[in-house]
């Protein structure tokens, strides 16, 4: 199973109202799921996350999140 298939499966199972917070969630270093997908060269997963519009703060708006040091 490809990573993007797993991400699609998970995102479709989570209530829509919970998706913005999940997609914007950051770890202790300030990295999001999008950061980790990019860091590990998962282009297809990055494209899916950026294209996944789940309301305010998701989709291309995720590109505005920066790591806070």
C-alpha atoms as a PDB file:
ATOM      1  CA  UNK A   1       0.000   0.000   0.000  1.00  0.00           C
ATOM      2  CA  UNK A   2       1.310   3.436  -0.927  1.00  0.00           C
ATOM      3  CA  UNK A   3       1.447   6.167   1.716  1.00  0.00           C
ATOM      4  CA  UNK A   4      -0.978   8.348  -0.228  1.00  0.00           C
ATOM      5  CA  UNK A   5      -3.537   5.526  -0.212  1.00  0.00           C
ATOM      6  CA  UNK A   6      -3.235   5.256   3.558  1.00  0.00           C
ATOM      7  CA  UNK A   7      -3.638   9.032   3.972  1.00  0.00           C
ATOM      8  CA  UNK A   8      -6.723   9.006   1.725  1.00  0.00           C
ATOM      9  CA  UNK A   9      -8.244   6.167   3.728  1.00  0.00           C
ATOM     10  CA  UNK A  10      -7.597   7.878   7.063  1.00  0.00           C
ATOM     11  CA  UNK A  11      -8.831  11.317   5.998  1.00  0.00           C
ATOM     12  CA  UNK A  12     -12.056   9.897   4.602  1.00  0.00           C
ATOM     13  CA  UNK A  13     -12.783   8.108   7.900  1.00  0.00           C
ATOM     14  CA  UNK A  14     -12.350  11.187  10.141  1.00  0.00           C
ATOM     15  CA  UNK A  15     -15.340  13.490  10.729  1.00  0.00           C
ATOM     16  CA  UNK A  16     -15.069  16.520   8.422  1.00  0.00           C
ATOM     17  CA  UNK A  17     -15.287  18.938  11.356  1.00  0.00           C
ATOM     18  CA  UNK A  18     -12.105  17.421  12.861  1.00  0.00           C
ATOM     19  CA  UNK A  19     -10.015  17.547   9.683  1.00  0.00           C
ATOM     20  CA  UNK A  20      -8.774  21.165   9.803  1.00  0.00           C
ATOM     21  CA  UNK A  21      -7.263  20.715  13.271  1.00  0.00           C
ATOM     22  CA  UNK A  22      -5.758  17.369  12.296  1.00  0.00           C
ATOM     23  CA  UNK A  23      -4.171  18.659   9.092  1.00  0.00           C
ATOM     24  CA  UNK A  24      -2.765  21.725  10.881  1.00  0.00           C
ATOM     25  CA  UNK A  25      -1.545  19.762  13.919  1.00  0.00           C
ATOM     26  CA  UNK A  26       2.137  20.252  14.654  1.00  0.00           C
ATOM     27  CA  UNK A  27       4.578  18.127  16.603  1.00  0.00           C
ATOM     28  CA  UNK A  28       7.010  19.560  19.186  1.00  0.00           C
ATOM     29  CA  UNK A  29       9.233  20.825  16.370  1.00  0.00           C
ATOM     30  CA  UNK A  30       6.356  22.575  14.634  1.00  0.00           C
ATOM     31  CA  UNK A  31       6.189  20.099  11.746  1.00  0.00           C
ATOM     32  CA  UNK A  32       2.889  19.040  10.197  1.00  0.00           C
ATOM     33  CA  UNK A  33       1.960  15.949   8.189  1.00  0.00           C
ATOM     34  CA  UNK A  34       2.675  18.008   5.069  1.00  0.00           C
ATOM     35  CA  UNK A  35       6.164  18.843   6.349  1.00  0.00           C
ATOM     36  CA  UNK A  36       6.904  15.163   7.003  1.00  0.00           C
ATOM     37  CA  UNK A  37       5.579  14.068   3.627  1.00  0.00           C
ATOM     38  CA  UNK A  38       7.767  16.674   1.910  1.00  0.00           C
ATOM     39  CA  UNK A  39      10.806  15.873   4.045  1.00  0.00           C
ATOM     40  CA  UNK A  40      10.540  12.223   3.044  1.00  0.00           C
ATOM     41  CA  UNK A  41       9.977  12.981  -0.660  1.00  0.00           C
ATOM     42  CA  UNK A  42       6.392  11.705  -0.785  1.00  0.00           C
ATOM     43  CA  UNK A  43       5.324  14.038  -3.604  1.00  0.00           C
ATOM     44  CA  UNK A  44       2.003  12.315  -4.280  1.00  0.00           C
ATOM     45  CA  UNK A  45       1.086  12.540  -0.591  1.00  0.00           C
ATOM     46  CA  UNK A  46       2.042  16.236  -0.501  1.00  0.00           C
ATOM     47  CA  UNK A  47      -0.114  16.893  -3.554  1.00  0.00           C
ATOM     48  CA  UNK A  48      -3.059  15.083  -1.964  1.00  0.00           C
ATOM     49  CA  UNK A  49      -2.759  16.913   1.376  1.00  0.00           C
ATOM     50  CA  UNK A  50      -2.485  20.319  -0.320  1.00  0.00           C
ATOM     51  CA  UNK A  51      -5.396  19.503  -2.633  1.00  0.00           C
ATOM     52  CA  UNK A  52      -7.588  18.165   0.181  1.00  0.00           C
ATOM     53  CA  UNK A  53      -9.950  21.007   1.035  1.00  0.00           C
ATOM     54  CA  UNK A  54     -11.538  20.343   4.418  1.00  0.00           C
ATOM     55  CA  UNK A  55     -12.454  23.932   5.195  1.00  0.00           C
ATOM     56  CA  UNK A  56     -10.613  26.918   6.569  1.00  0.00           C
ATOM     57  CA  UNK A  57      -6.927  26.373   7.177  1.00  0.00           C
ATOM     58  CA  UNK A  58      -6.599  23.325   4.958  1.00  0.00           C
ATOM     59  CA  UNK A  59      -5.745  22.709   1.321  1.00  0.00           C
ATOM     60  CA  UNK A  60      -3.300  25.269  -0.057  1.00  0.00           C
ATOM     61  CA  UNK A  61      -3.605  27.282   3.177  1.00  0.00           C
ATOM     62  CA  UNK A  62      -1.427  24.597   4.790  1.00  0.00           C
ATOM     63  CA  UNK A  63       1.465  26.016   2.794  1.00  0.00           C
ATOM     64  CA  UNK A  64       1.367  29.106   5.064  1.00  0.00           C
ATOM     65  CA  UNK A  65       2.290  27.106   8.180  1.00  0.00           C
ATOM     66  CA  UNK A  66       5.918  27.604   9.117  1.00  0.00           C
ATOM     67  CA  UNK A  67       8.004  25.877  11.714  1.00  0.00           C
ATOM     68  CA  UNK A  68       8.340  27.948  14.854  1.00  0.00           C
ATOM     69  CA  UNK A  69      11.745  27.748  16.530  1.00  0.00           C
END
